[in-house]
Structures are given as structure tokens and as C-alpha cells.
Amino acid sequence: MDYHVGYHKGELLGWVATEDLNTKITAIDSQGNKFVTTIGDTRESVVRKGITTNLHCGFSFKNIIKDSLEGNFYSVTISNSSVCMATSIFCGAIEKWQDTFEKFQIPDRSDFSCQDKDVLDVFRVNSDLIAFKILMIRLRRGKRAYSSRGVFKGHEYSFMDKDWVFFQDFYTKNFIELSKILSVRSLWSVVDTFADFGDPLEKTCALAISNYMFQERFAQTVRAIYELVPLKEKKESKQIPYWGSMLSNRLLADDAYDVFMTRNIEILEYSPILKKTFGVIILNAICAKESIANMNIENSEHFNKAFKYYKSYFKSLVL
């Protein structure tokens, strides 16, 4: 059964291709509040497209959800006697809210007042997206506010365990929408939160992703030291030795990326949400001209073919 749920001009609305007038649409906000409506609104355009013959297939939460929807997430369930479908929706323009999320900071690292309220109170007085970032800041300061050299020491607080459970659940439920909004840098912060607070398997999976991100960061730091100039002729058939008797990739043909990707694909299966997060990060790396992965893709037909496979694989996983 086809359906559409969208956010338009401040309203949560949509349509369901069904003749069953008892079709119920339930929206649940981040605090667990439930809102219910039914189809019955006229949607001539949907009928004209041949999607359904029911002119009254539309629905809206106008006057049902009375607070502002901007920046909030809703879990939406569509159900009737024969079917039940679920999705999540973010209310707001992606680019606008991505910018808002990235700019929001609590710059004073010795300010722990953000940890004083229960998580539901944080979400009650902020948009969901900003509340999610506050939650991540609370957890980060709870884990490593004072020290990160050799040992983590944080500013622990009474809501920390509850925060982690809420954070994990919120991110998992709203992953599809969040993955469109959060930059790779912010996704890395999410991954590190799993590394700090997850169970042993989640910590291990998160560390694997974080190590990949650190490898990219450390490699990119060469830009602060050297101006790289391409060789007149690439050494495609050679592996370049470096410290510890190790060798670079061989551009002509090498299974290094296949081994790396396949091992991550297998091991990250222990945490499906982190596997999906890794997929979003890899897809961004493939598209970024300045990434280390793309350097290999652009200069090796072998790696170019390999990454086409992984691009297809991760697109099917995360979309």
C-alpha cells in the first residue's frame, strides 16, 4: 500500500492509497506523546495520478499537534484492518537545520549546567535536533570532561545512564533522517559516543569506525606540513615501503581495500546501526575529492572498480 508522509508549511500531513476509511495514522514525538488522526482529507492530485480512487485518502495533524513542529522528529504509524506500516519524519529544511546543528555549541567546557535537567526536559524546551546535540555534549563531558591523556575522566552526573539509553534509541529510530542532516564530523561524534557508552561489542564496532576516521585525519594533516605535487609518472606497479617493513597500496592491483571493507562489513554486523553509520561515512569519502579513499579511486582503475561495488553495497544498506 502506497503512502506519503511529509512536512509542508508547518504541518505534518500526507495520504494513504486505501479505500479503508478507518485507516489510522499515529504520530509519536520524542517525549512519547501520541497524536492520532485518520484519512478523510481531499487529495485530488493523488487520484489524478492513478495512485488510488479514494478522493479522501489524505490526512493532516493540523490542530492535533499544536506546538511548533520545526526541528522535530516524529515516528509515524499507518494502520488499518489489513496492514501496519511505520516510518519516521523530520520536520524542517535539511540544509537550514544542518547549519543550525553544526553551529550550536556550549563553548565553555567547564560549564556543566547542561547536565542538570532530565533528558525529557531537555527535549521539552528545545527542538529535537538541538536537544540531541545537547544530549551528545552532556554524555561527552560525562565521559571525558577533565582528561583524555592515558585515561578518561569525566564530570559524571545523575542522568548519564538514562541519557545513553535515550541517545541510542533516538539515533536508531531516526537514523535515516539524521544521516541526511548530520555532517560526517557529527556522525563521528555519534560513533565516539557509542565507543564511550555502548556494550562491549558496540564499543569494539565503534572503535573500528573511529580508527578509520582518525586514520583519515592523521593522513590529511600532511597538508599542514607539505605541498604535495603529483609525480610526472605514477608508480602503478610498485608498492612503496615505509616504516615497520610495511608497504603502500599497489595502484595496478591490490586487495587491501577489499580486505579492509569486507572485514568491516562482517564485524560491523554485530551492530547494524553502526554498520549503517559506517556506510554513510564511506559513501561521503567516496564522493569527497580530497579524501584518501578518493586518491586511490582516481589513480587506480582497480580501486575504482572496487569502490563501485562498495558504493552500490552501502547505498542499498542505508537508503
C-alpha atoms as a PDB file:
ATOM      1  CA  MET A   1       0.000   0.000   0.000  1.00  0.00           C
ATOM      2  CA  ASP A   2       1.470   3.316  -1.092  1.00  0.00           C
ATOM      3  CA  TYR A   3       1.571   6.261   1.260  1.00  0.00           C
ATOM      4  CA  HIS A   4       3.300   9.600   1.747  1.00  0.00           C
ATOM      5  CA  VAL A   5       4.097  11.457   4.954  1.00  0.00           C
ATOM      6  CA  GLY A   6       5.531  14.956   4.648  1.00  0.00           C
ATOM      7  CA  TYR A   7       6.088  18.302   6.310  1.00  0.00           C
ATOM      8  CA  HIS A   8       4.664  21.296   4.456  1.00  0.00           C
ATOM      9  CA  LYS A   9       4.103  24.857   5.617  1.00  0.00           C
ATOM     10  CA  GLY A  10       4.351  23.932   9.272  1.00  0.00           C
ATOM     11  CA  GLU A  11       2.043  20.916   9.044  1.00  0.00           C
ATOM     12  CA  LEU A  12       2.561  17.163   9.227  1.00  0.00           C
ATOM     13  CA  LEU A  13       0.352  15.645   6.537  1.00  0.00           C
ATOM     14  CA  GLY A  14       0.144  13.083   3.756  1.00  0.00           C
ATOM     15  CA  TRP A  15      -2.001  10.460   2.076  1.00  0.00           C
ATOM     16  CA  VAL A  16      -2.594   6.700   2.095  1.00  0.00           C
ATOM     17  CA  ALA A  17      -3.638   4.752  -1.016  1.00  0.00           C
ATOM     18  CA  THR A  18      -6.501   2.809   0.557  1.00  0.00           C
ATOM     19  CA  GLU A  19     -10.286   2.605   0.425  1.00  0.00           C
ATOM     20  CA  ASP A  20     -10.454   1.807   4.130  1.00  0.00           C
ATOM     21  CA  LEU A  21     -11.774   4.968   5.778  1.00  0.00           C
ATOM     22  CA  ASN A  22     -10.865   3.563   9.187  1.00  0.00           C
ATOM     23  CA  THR A  23      -7.170   3.885   8.381  1.00  0.00           C
ATOM     24  CA  LYS A  24      -5.483   5.425  11.405  1.00  0.00           C
ATOM     25  CA  ILE A  25      -2.298   7.495  11.398  1.00  0.00           C
ATOM     26  CA  THR A  26      -0.414   7.779  14.703  1.00  0.00           C
ATOM     27  CA  ALA A  27       2.480  10.181  15.288  1.00  0.00           C
ATOM     28  CA  ILE A  28       4.673   9.880  18.386  1.00  0.00           C
ATOM     29  CA  ASP A  29       7.091  12.635  19.359  1.00  0.00           C
ATOM     30  CA  SER A  30      10.493  12.285  21.038  1.00  0.00           C
ATOM     31  CA  GLN A  31       8.949  12.531  24.508  1.00  0.00           C
ATOM     32  CA  GLY A  32       6.474   9.710  23.859  1.00  0.00           C
ATOM     33  CA  ASN A  33       3.403  11.898  23.327  1.00  0.00           C
ATOM     34  CA  LYS A  34       0.930  10.269  20.926  1.00  0.00           C
ATOM     35  CA  PHE A  35      -1.190  12.044  18.312  1.00  0.00           C
ATOM     36  CA  VAL A  36      -3.834  10.279  16.211  1.00  0.00           C
ATOM     37  CA  THR A  37      -5.719  11.196  13.049  1.00  0.00           C
ATOM     38  CA  THR A  38      -7.498   9.371  10.206  1.00  0.00           C
ATOM     39  CA  ILE A  39      -7.711   9.751   6.452  1.00  0.00           C
ATOM     40  CA  GLY A  40     -10.531  11.894   5.119  1.00  0.00           C
ATOM     41  CA  ASP A  41      -8.902  14.972   3.567  1.00  0.00           C
ATOM     42  CA  THR A  42      -9.379  15.501  -0.168  1.00  0.00           C
ATOM     43  CA  ARG A  43      -6.346  14.728  -2.366  1.00  0.00           C
ATOM     44  CA  GLU A  44      -7.376  15.232  -5.990  1.00  0.00           C
ATOM     45  CA  SER A  45      -3.766  15.157  -7.247  1.00  0.00           C
ATOM     46  CA  VAL A  46      -3.202  11.648  -5.842  1.00  0.00           C
ATOM     47  CA  VAL A  47      -6.336  10.364  -7.612  1.00  0.00           C
ATOM     48  CA  ARG A  48      -5.336  12.078 -10.883  1.00  0.00           C
ATOM     49  CA  LYS A  49      -2.008  10.230 -10.798  1.00  0.00           C
ATOM     50  CA  GLY A  50      -3.879   6.933 -10.611  1.00  0.00           C
ATOM     51  CA  ILE A  51      -2.421   6.028  -7.208  1.00  0.00           C
ATOM     52  CA  THR A  52      -5.845   5.458  -5.665  1.00  0.00           C
ATOM     53  CA  THR A  53      -9.516   6.002  -6.475  1.00  0.00           C
ATOM     54  CA  ASN A  54     -10.267   7.292  -2.977  1.00  0.00           C
ATOM     55  CA  LEU A  55     -10.583  11.072  -3.197  1.00  0.00           C
ATOM     56  CA  HIS A  56     -10.496  11.306   0.601  1.00  0.00           C
ATOM     57  CA  CYS A  57      -7.184   9.499   1.100  1.00  0.00           C
ATOM     58  CA  GLY A  58      -5.461  12.483   2.717  1.00  0.00           C
ATOM     59  CA  PHE A  59      -4.709  13.209   6.349  1.00  0.00           C
ATOM     60  CA  SER A  60      -3.310  16.032   8.450  1.00  0.00           C
ATOM     61  CA  PHE A  61      -2.314  16.652  12.061  1.00  0.00           C
ATOM     62  CA  LYS A  62      -3.400  20.297  11.881  1.00  0.00           C
ATOM     63  CA  ASN A  63      -4.952  21.352  15.198  1.00  0.00           C
ATOM     64  CA  ILE A  64      -3.921  17.973  16.661  1.00  0.00           C
ATOM     65  CA  ILE A  65      -0.230  18.698  17.116  1.00  0.00           C
ATOM     66  CA  LYS A  66      -0.445  22.259  18.395  1.00  0.00           C
ATOM     67  CA  ASP A  67       3.190  23.021  19.197  1.00  0.00           C
ATOM     68  CA  SER A  68       5.703  24.013  16.526  1.00  0.00           C
ATOM     69  CA  LEU A  69       6.964  21.016  14.547  1.00  0.00           C
ATOM     70  CA  GLU A  70      10.149  22.716  13.279  1.00  0.00           C
ATOM     71  CA  GLY A  71      13.306  20.780  14.026  1.00  0.00           C
ATOM     72  CA  ASN A  72      11.417  17.822  15.490  1.00  0.00           C
ATOM     73  CA  PHE A  73      11.202  14.121  14.646  1.00  0.00           C
ATOM     74  CA  TYR A  74       8.048  12.015  14.641  1.00  0.00           C
ATOM     75  CA  SER A  75       7.595   8.259  14.472  1.00  0.00           C
ATOM     76  CA  VAL A  76       4.563   7.691  12.243  1.00  0.00           C
ATOM     77  CA  THR A  77       2.493   4.500  12.037  1.00  0.00           C
ATOM     78  CA  ILE A  78      -0.205   3.892   9.432  1.00  0.00           C
ATOM     79  CA  SER A  79      -2.615   1.056  10.262  1.00  0.00           C
ATOM     80  CA  ASN A  80      -5.957  -0.465   9.360  1.00  0.00           C
ATOM     81  CA  SER A  81      -7.516  -3.934   9.441  1.00  0.00           C
ATOM     82  CA  SER A  82      -5.115  -5.323   6.827  1.00  0.00           C
ATOM     83  CA  VAL A  83      -1.778  -3.523   7.156  1.00  0.00           C
ATOM     84  CA  CYS A  84       0.543  -1.672   9.545  1.00  0.00           C
ATOM     85  CA  MET A  85       3.461   0.444   8.284  1.00  0.00           C
ATOM     86  CA  ALA A  86       5.920   2.655  10.138  1.00  0.00           C
ATOM     87  CA  THR A  87       8.299   5.447   9.216  1.00  0.00           C
ATOM     88  CA  SER A  88       9.974   8.488  10.756  1.00  0.00           C
ATOM     89  CA  ILE A  89       9.858  12.075   9.563  1.00  0.00           C
ATOM     90  CA  PHE A  90      11.923  15.176  10.263  1.00  0.00           C
ATOM     91  CA  CYS A  91      10.097  18.489  10.176  1.00  0.00           C
ATOM     92  CA  GLY A  92      12.316  21.112   8.633  1.00  0.00           C
ATOM     93  CA  ALA A  93      14.612  22.020   5.753  1.00  0.00           C
ATOM     94  CA  ILE A  94      17.704  19.801   5.793  1.00  0.00           C
ATOM     95  CA  GLU A  95      20.277  22.464   4.843  1.00  0.00           C
ATOM     96  CA  LYS A  96      18.923  25.006   7.319  1.00  0.00           C
ATOM     97  CA  TRP A  97      18.901  22.576  10.218  1.00  0.00           C
ATOM     98  CA  GLN A  98      22.265  21.056   9.339  1.00  0.00           C
ATOM     99  CA  ASP A  99      23.747  24.534   9.601  1.00  0.00           C
ATOM    100  CA  THR A 100      21.896  25.167  12.871  1.00  0.00           C
ATOM    101  CA  PHE A 101      23.117  21.865  14.317  1.00  0.00           C
ATOM    102  CA  GLU A 102      26.748  22.435  13.325  1.00  0.00           C
ATOM    103  CA  LYS A 103      26.811  25.979  14.714  1.00  0.00           C
ATOM    104  CA  PHE A 104      25.231  25.134  18.059  1.00  0.00           C
ATOM    105  CA  GLN A 105      27.862  24.871  20.795  1.00  0.00           C
ATOM    106  CA  ILE A 106      28.255  25.108  24.557  1.00  0.00           C
ATOM    107  CA  PRO A 107      31.756  26.585  24.222  1.00  0.00           C
ATOM    108  CA  ASP A 108      32.692  26.765  27.909  1.00  0.00           C
ATOM    109  CA  ARG A 109      33.902  23.221  28.589  1.00  0.00           C
ATOM    110  CA  SER A 110      33.751  23.835  32.327  1.00  0.00           C
ATOM    111  CA  ASP A 111      30.027  24.627  32.085  1.00  0.00           C
ATOM    112  CA  PHE A 112      28.155  21.557  33.318  1.00  0.00           C
ATOM    113  CA  SER A 113      24.766  23.215  33.775  1.00  0.00           C
ATOM    114  CA  CYS A 114      23.603  21.421  30.620  1.00  0.00           C
ATOM    115  CA  GLN A 115      23.686  18.196  32.692  1.00  0.00           C
ATOM    116  CA  ASP A 116      21.271  19.440  35.358  1.00  0.00           C
ATOM    117  CA  LYS A 117      17.930  18.539  33.744  1.00  0.00           C
ATOM    118  CA  ASP A 118      16.304  15.223  32.928  1.00  0.00           C
ATOM    119  CA  VAL A 119      16.621  14.329  29.245  1.00  0.00           C
ATOM    120  CA  LEU A 120      12.873  14.723  28.665  1.00  0.00           C
ATOM    121  CA  ASP A 121      13.070  18.281  29.983  1.00  0.00           C
ATOM    122  CA  VAL A 122      15.912  18.985  27.540  1.00  0.00           C
ATOM    123  CA  PHE A 123      13.741  17.806  24.651  1.00  0.00           C
ATOM    124  CA  ARG A 124      10.722  19.657  26.012  1.00  0.00           C
ATOM    125  CA  VAL A 125      12.380  23.096  25.833  1.00  0.00           C
ATOM    126  CA  ASN A 126      14.463  22.612  22.666  1.00  0.00           C
ATOM    127  CA  SER A 127      13.853  21.368  19.156  1.00  0.00           C
ATOM    128  CA  ASP A 128      14.657  17.661  18.915  1.00  0.00           C
ATOM    129  CA  LEU A 129      17.714  18.213  16.759  1.00  0.00           C
ATOM    130  CA  ILE A 130      19.319  20.708  19.141  1.00  0.00           C
ATOM    131  CA  ALA A 131      18.287  18.597  22.142  1.00  0.00           C
ATOM    132  CA  PHE A 132      20.070  15.637  20.516  1.00  0.00           C
ATOM    133  CA  LYS A 133      23.267  17.693  20.279  1.00  0.00           C
ATOM    134  CA  ILE A 134      22.921  18.842  23.896  1.00  0.00           C
ATOM    135  CA  LEU A 135      22.498  15.197  24.850  1.00  0.00           C
ATOM    136  CA  MET A 136      25.711  14.314  22.997  1.00  0.00           C
ATOM    137  CA  ILE A 137      27.569  17.180  24.744  1.00  0.00           C
ATOM    138  CA  ARG A 138      26.266  16.019  28.144  1.00  0.00           C
ATOM    139  CA  LEU A 139      27.492  12.489  27.516  1.00  0.00           C
ATOM    140  CA  ARG A 140      30.879  13.630  26.169  1.00  0.00           C
ATOM    141  CA  ARG A 141      31.505  15.810  29.230  1.00  0.00           C
ATOM    142  CA  GLY A 142      30.292  12.993  31.433  1.00  0.00           C
ATOM    143  CA  LYS A 143      32.942  10.709  29.940  1.00  0.00           C
ATOM    144  CA  ARG A 144      35.964  12.948  29.319  1.00  0.00           C
ATOM    145  CA  ALA A 145      35.494  16.498  30.582  1.00  0.00           C
ATOM    146  CA  TYR A 146      38.743  16.609  32.540  1.00  0.00           C
ATOM    147  CA  SER A 147      41.212  14.217  30.932  1.00  0.00           C
ATOM    148  CA  SER A 148      41.923  12.268  27.750  1.00  0.00           C
ATOM    149  CA  ARG A 149      45.674  11.542  28.011  1.00  0.00           C
ATOM    150  CA  GLY A 150      46.082   7.918  29.001  1.00  0.00           C
ATOM    151  CA  VAL A 151      42.835   7.823  30.956  1.00  0.00           C
ATOM    152  CA  PHE A 152      39.401   9.362  30.546  1.00  0.00           C
ATOM    153  CA  LYS A 153      37.983  11.319  33.459  1.00  0.00           C
ATOM    154  CA  GLY A 154      34.598  12.927  33.118  1.00  0.00           C
ATOM    155  CA  HIS A 155      32.099  15.032  35.015  1.00  0.00           C
ATOM    156  CA  GLU A 156      29.647  12.284  35.895  1.00  0.00           C
ATOM    157  CA  TYR A 157      26.040  13.237  36.578  1.00  0.00           C
ATOM    158  CA  SER A 158      22.874  11.506  37.781  1.00  0.00           C
ATOM    159  CA  PHE A 159      21.172  11.300  34.374  1.00  0.00           C
ATOM    160  CA  MET A 160      24.126   9.799  32.471  1.00  0.00           C
ATOM    161  CA  ASP A 161      22.863   6.203  32.191  1.00  0.00           C
ATOM    162  CA  LYS A 162      19.380   7.353  31.214  1.00  0.00           C
ATOM    163  CA  ASP A 163      20.891   9.754  28.672  1.00  0.00           C
ATOM    164  CA  TRP A 164      22.796   6.945  26.954  1.00  0.00           C
ATOM    165  CA  VAL A 165      19.683   4.749  26.642  1.00  0.00           C
ATOM    166  CA  PHE A 166      17.699   7.685  25.232  1.00  0.00           C
ATOM    167  CA  PHE A 167      20.530   8.685  22.879  1.00  0.00           C
ATOM    168  CA  GLN A 168      20.908   5.196  21.445  1.00  0.00           C
ATOM    169  CA  ASP A 169      17.163   4.748  20.968  1.00  0.00           C
ATOM    170  CA  PHE A 170      16.675   8.207  19.403  1.00  0.00           C
ATOM    171  CA  TYR A 171      19.568   7.768  16.964  1.00  0.00           C
ATOM    172  CA  THR A 172      18.460   4.280  15.927  1.00  0.00           C
ATOM    173  CA  LYS A 173      14.806   5.255  15.397  1.00  0.00           C
ATOM    174  CA  ASN A 174      15.647   8.397  13.443  1.00  0.00           C
ATOM    175  CA  PHE A 175      18.784   7.210  11.648  1.00  0.00           C
ATOM    176  CA  ILE A 176      17.524   7.719   8.086  1.00  0.00           C
ATOM    177  CA  GLU A 177      16.631  11.349   8.708  1.00  0.00           C
ATOM    178  CA  LEU A 178      19.613  12.077  10.964  1.00  0.00           C
ATOM    179  CA  SER A 179      22.038  10.631   8.400  1.00  0.00           C
ATOM    180  CA  LYS A 180      20.807  13.263   5.915  1.00  0.00           C
ATOM    181  CA  ILE A 181      21.300  16.127   8.379  1.00  0.00           C
ATOM    182  CA  LEU A 182      24.466  15.331  10.315  1.00  0.00           C
ATOM    183  CA  SER A 183      27.842  16.067   8.717  1.00  0.00           C
ATOM    184  CA  VAL A 184      30.498  13.349   8.717  1.00  0.00           C
ATOM    185  CA  ARG A 185      32.186  15.170  11.594  1.00  0.00           C
ATOM    186  CA  SER A 186      28.984  14.948  13.631  1.00  0.00           C
ATOM    187  CA  LEU A 187      28.464  11.305  12.685  1.00  0.00           C
ATOM    188  CA  TRP A 188      31.968  10.682  14.026  1.00  0.00           C
ATOM    189  CA  SER A 189      30.852  12.240  17.330  1.00  0.00           C
ATOM    190  CA  VAL A 190      27.893   9.854  17.374  1.00  0.00           C
ATOM    191  CA  VAL A 191      30.242   6.919  16.744  1.00  0.00           C
ATOM    192  CA  ASP A 192      32.529   8.016  19.589  1.00  0.00           C
ATOM    193  CA  THR A 193      29.511   8.224  21.903  1.00  0.00           C
ATOM    194  CA  PHE A 194      28.846   4.548  21.125  1.00  0.00           C
ATOM    195  CA  ALA A 195      32.547   3.841  21.794  1.00  0.00           C
ATOM    196  CA  ASP A 196      32.246   5.583  25.177  1.00  0.00           C
ATOM    197  CA  PHE A 197      28.947   4.119  26.404  1.00  0.00           C
ATOM    198  CA  GLY A 198      27.990   1.040  24.366  1.00  0.00           C
ATOM    199  CA  ASP A 199      28.183  -2.593  25.359  1.00  0.00           C
ATOM    200  CA  PRO A 200      31.488  -4.374  24.606  1.00  0.00           C
ATOM    201  CA  LEU A 201      30.516  -5.291  21.038  1.00  0.00           C
ATOM    202  CA  GLU A 202      29.229  -1.789  20.303  1.00  0.00           C
ATOM    203  CA  LYS A 203      32.392  -0.272  21.752  1.00  0.00           C
ATOM    204  CA  THR A 204      34.517  -2.500  19.516  1.00  0.00           C
ATOM    205  CA  CYS A 205      32.493  -1.769  16.379  1.00  0.00           C
ATOM    206  CA  ALA A 206      32.509   1.962  17.117  1.00  0.00           C
ATOM    207  CA  LEU A 207      36.257   1.929  17.710  1.00  0.00           C
ATOM    208  CA  ALA A 208      36.790   0.306  14.296  1.00  0.00           C
ATOM    209  CA  ILE A 209      34.919   3.177  12.612  1.00  0.00           C
ATOM    210  CA  SER A 210      36.593   5.810  14.779  1.00  0.00           C
ATOM    211  CA  ASN A 211      40.021   4.384  13.926  1.00  0.00           C
ATOM    212  CA  TYR A 212      39.202   4.768  10.241  1.00  0.00           C
ATOM    213  CA  MET A 213      38.219   8.386  10.855  1.00  0.00           C
ATOM    214  CA  PHE A 214      41.409   9.063  12.817  1.00  0.00           C
ATOM    215  CA  GLN A 215      43.479   7.474  10.035  1.00  0.00           C
ATOM    216  CA  GLU A 216      41.928   9.952   7.597  1.00  0.00           C
ATOM    217  CA  ARG A 217      42.531  12.862   9.980  1.00  0.00           C
ATOM    218  CA  PHE A 218      46.151  11.918  10.611  1.00  0.00           C
ATOM    219  CA  ALA A 219      46.807  11.431   6.892  1.00  0.00           C
ATOM    220  CA  GLN A 220      45.186  14.762   6.000  1.00  0.00           C
ATOM    221  CA  THR A 221      47.475  16.544   8.487  1.00  0.00           C
ATOM    222  CA  VAL A 222      50.230  16.199   5.866  1.00  0.00           C
ATOM    223  CA  ARG A 223      48.561  19.250   4.249  1.00  0.00           C
ATOM    224  CA  ALA A 224      49.769  21.360   7.198  1.00  0.00           C
ATOM    225  CA  ILE A 225      53.382  20.334   6.525  1.00  0.00           C
ATOM    226  CA  TYR A 226      53.873  19.631   2.817  1.00  0.00           C
ATOM    227  CA  GLU A 227      52.649  20.888  -0.526  1.00  0.00           C
ATOM    228  CA  LEU A 228      52.021  17.692  -2.438  1.00  0.00           C
ATOM    229  CA  VAL A 229      52.910  17.686  -6.119  1.00  0.00           C
ATOM    230  CA  PRO A 230      51.929  14.687  -8.287  1.00  0.00           C
ATOM    231  CA  LEU A 231      54.715  12.656  -9.837  1.00  0.00           C
ATOM    232  CA  LYS A 232      55.164  13.023 -13.590  1.00  0.00           C
ATOM    233  CA  GLU A 233      54.658   9.286 -13.841  1.00  0.00           C
ATOM    234  CA  LYS A 234      52.724   7.279 -11.263  1.00  0.00           C
ATOM    235  CA  LYS A 235      54.388   4.170  -9.845  1.00  0.00           C
ATOM    236  CA  GLU A 236      51.399   1.955 -10.566  1.00  0.00           C
ATOM    237  CA  SER A 237      53.105  -1.427 -10.363  1.00  0.00           C
ATOM    238  CA  LYS A 238      55.156  -0.815  -7.223  1.00  0.00           C
ATOM    239  CA  GLN A 239      54.423  -0.879  -3.523  1.00  0.00           C
ATOM    240  CA  ILE A 240      56.279   1.891  -1.716  1.00  0.00           C
ATOM    241  CA  PRO A 241      57.970   0.726   1.510  1.00  0.00           C
ATOM    242  CA  TYR A 242      57.523   2.661   4.748  1.00  0.00           C
ATOM    243  CA  TRP A 243      58.244   2.116   8.455  1.00  0.00           C
ATOM    244  CA  GLY A 244      57.961  -1.323  10.053  1.00  0.00           C
ATOM    245  CA  SER A 245      58.621  -3.166   6.754  1.00  0.00           C
ATOM    246  CA  MET A 246      55.132  -2.183   5.614  1.00  0.00           C
ATOM    247  CA  LEU A 247      54.128  -1.362   2.049  1.00  0.00           C
ATOM    248  CA  SER A 248      51.767   1.082   0.356  1.00  0.00           C
ATOM    249  CA  ASN A 249      48.929   0.030  -1.917  1.00  0.00           C
ATOM    250  CA  ARG A 250      49.871  -1.128  -5.396  1.00  0.00           C
ATOM    251  CA  LEU A 251      47.759   1.011  -7.712  1.00  0.00           C
ATOM    252  CA  LEU A 252      47.759  -1.527 -10.537  1.00  0.00           C
ATOM    253  CA  ALA A 253      46.041  -4.213  -8.462  1.00  0.00           C
ATOM    254  CA  ASP A 254      45.797  -4.797  -4.719  1.00  0.00           C
ATOM    255  CA  ASP A 255      43.283  -6.491  -2.411  1.00  0.00           C
ATOM    256  CA  ALA A 256      43.944  -4.119   0.509  1.00  0.00           C
ATOM    257  CA  TYR A 257      40.669  -2.200   0.256  1.00  0.00           C
ATOM    258  CA  ASP A 258      38.673  -5.385  -0.322  1.00  0.00           C
ATOM    259  CA  VAL A 259      40.149  -6.918   2.830  1.00  0.00           C
ATOM    260  CA  PHE A 260      39.513  -3.713   4.786  1.00  0.00           C
ATOM    261  CA  MET A 261      35.926  -3.298   3.582  1.00  0.00           C
ATOM    262  CA  THR A 262      34.934  -6.947   3.827  1.00  0.00           C
ATOM    263  CA  ARG A 263      36.300  -7.262   7.354  1.00  0.00           C
ATOM    264  CA  ASN A 264      34.334  -4.170   8.412  1.00  0.00           C
ATOM    265  CA  ILE A 265      31.196  -5.444   6.695  1.00  0.00           C
ATOM    266  CA  GLU A 266      31.436  -8.749   8.569  1.00  0.00           C
ATOM    267  CA  ILE A 267      32.370  -7.422  12.003  1.00  0.00           C
ATOM    268  CA  LEU A 268      30.035  -4.405  11.992  1.00  0.00           C
ATOM    269  CA  GLU A 269      27.159  -6.833  11.520  1.00  0.00           C
ATOM    270  CA  TYR A 270      27.283  -7.143  15.329  1.00  0.00           C
ATOM    271  CA  SER A 271      25.908  -3.582  15.481  1.00  0.00           C
ATOM    272  CA  PRO A 272      23.610  -2.890  12.495  1.00  0.00           C
ATOM    273  CA  ILE A 273      23.132   0.800  13.349  1.00  0.00           C
ATOM    274  CA  LEU A 274      26.897   1.365  13.430  1.00  0.00           C
ATOM    275  CA  LYS A 275      27.273  -0.578  10.183  1.00  0.00           C
ATOM    276  CA  LYS A 276      24.787   1.793   8.567  1.00  0.00           C
ATOM    277  CA  THR A 277      26.662   4.770  10.026  1.00  0.00           C
ATOM    278  CA  PHE A 278      29.911   3.419   8.587  1.00  0.00           C
ATOM    279  CA  GLY A 279      28.122   3.114   5.232  1.00  0.00           C
ATOM    280  CA  VAL A 280      27.126   6.787   5.256  1.00  0.00           C
ATOM    281  CA  ILE A 281      30.711   7.796   6.119  1.00  0.00           C
ATOM    282  CA  ILE A 282      32.194   5.625   3.352  1.00  0.00           C
ATOM    283  CA  LEU A 283      29.731   6.999   0.792  1.00  0.00           C
ATOM    284  CA  ASN A 284      30.825  10.512   1.742  1.00  0.00           C
ATOM    285  CA  ALA A 285      34.501   9.510   1.500  1.00  0.00           C
ATOM    286  CA  ILE A 286      33.973   8.076  -1.986  1.00  0.00           C
ATOM    287  CA  CYS A 287      32.418  11.339  -3.171  1.00  0.00           C
ATOM    288  CA  ALA A 288      34.946  13.675  -1.494  1.00  0.00           C
ATOM    289  CA  LYS A 289      37.695  14.526  -3.991  1.00  0.00           C
ATOM    290  CA  GLU A 290      40.207  15.255  -1.223  1.00  0.00           C
ATOM    291  CA  SER A 291      39.666  12.008   0.736  1.00  0.00           C
ATOM    292  CA  ILE A 292      42.391   9.376   0.960  1.00  0.00           C
ATOM    293  CA  ALA A 293      39.970   6.804  -0.462  1.00  0.00           C
ATOM    294  CA  ASN A 294      39.272   9.016  -3.467  1.00  0.00           C
ATOM    295  CA  MET A 295      43.010   9.488  -4.068  1.00  0.00           C
ATOM    296  CA  ASN A 296      43.188   5.730  -4.631  1.00  0.00           C
ATOM    297  CA  ILE A 297      39.974   5.695  -6.690  1.00  0.00           C
ATOM    298  CA  GLU A 298      41.108   8.490  -9.010  1.00  0.00           C
ATOM    299  CA  ASN A 299      44.558   6.996  -9.611  1.00  0.00           C
ATOM    300  CA  SER A 300      43.768   3.298  -9.945  1.00  0.00           C
ATOM    301  CA  GLU A 301      41.361   1.569 -12.300  1.00  0.00           C
ATOM    302  CA  HIS A 302      41.475  -1.414  -9.952  1.00  0.00           C
ATOM    303  CA  PHE A 303      40.362   0.586  -6.892  1.00  0.00           C
ATOM    304  CA  ASN A 304      37.833   2.490  -8.993  1.00  0.00           C
ATOM    305  CA  LYS A 305      36.067  -0.786  -9.825  1.00  0.00           C
ATOM    306  CA  ALA A 306      36.298  -1.986  -6.239  1.00  0.00           C
ATOM    307  CA  PHE A 307      34.689   1.147  -4.840  1.00  0.00           C
ATOM    308  CA  LYS A 308      31.847   0.989  -7.371  1.00  0.00           C
ATOM    309  CA  TYR A 309      30.894  -2.290  -5.729  1.00  0.00           C
ATOM    310  CA  TYR A 310      31.081  -0.850  -2.195  1.00  0.00           C
ATOM    311  CA  LYS A 311      29.190   2.273  -3.240  1.00  0.00           C
ATOM    312  CA  SER A 312      26.341   0.091  -4.502  1.00  0.00           C
ATOM    313  CA  TYR A 313      26.503  -2.103  -1.403  1.00  0.00           C
ATOM    314  CA  PHE A 314      26.300   0.717   1.119  1.00  0.00           C
ATOM    315  CA  LYS A 315      23.649   2.643  -0.828  1.00  0.00           C
ATOM    316  CA  SER A 316      21.378  -0.390  -0.641  1.00  0.00           C
ATOM    317  CA  LEU A 317      22.139  -0.670   3.078  1.00  0.00           C
ATOM    318  CA  VAL A 318      21.469   2.895   4.194  1.00  0.00           C
ATOM    319  CA  LEU A 319      18.812   4.192   1.805  1.00  0.00           C
END
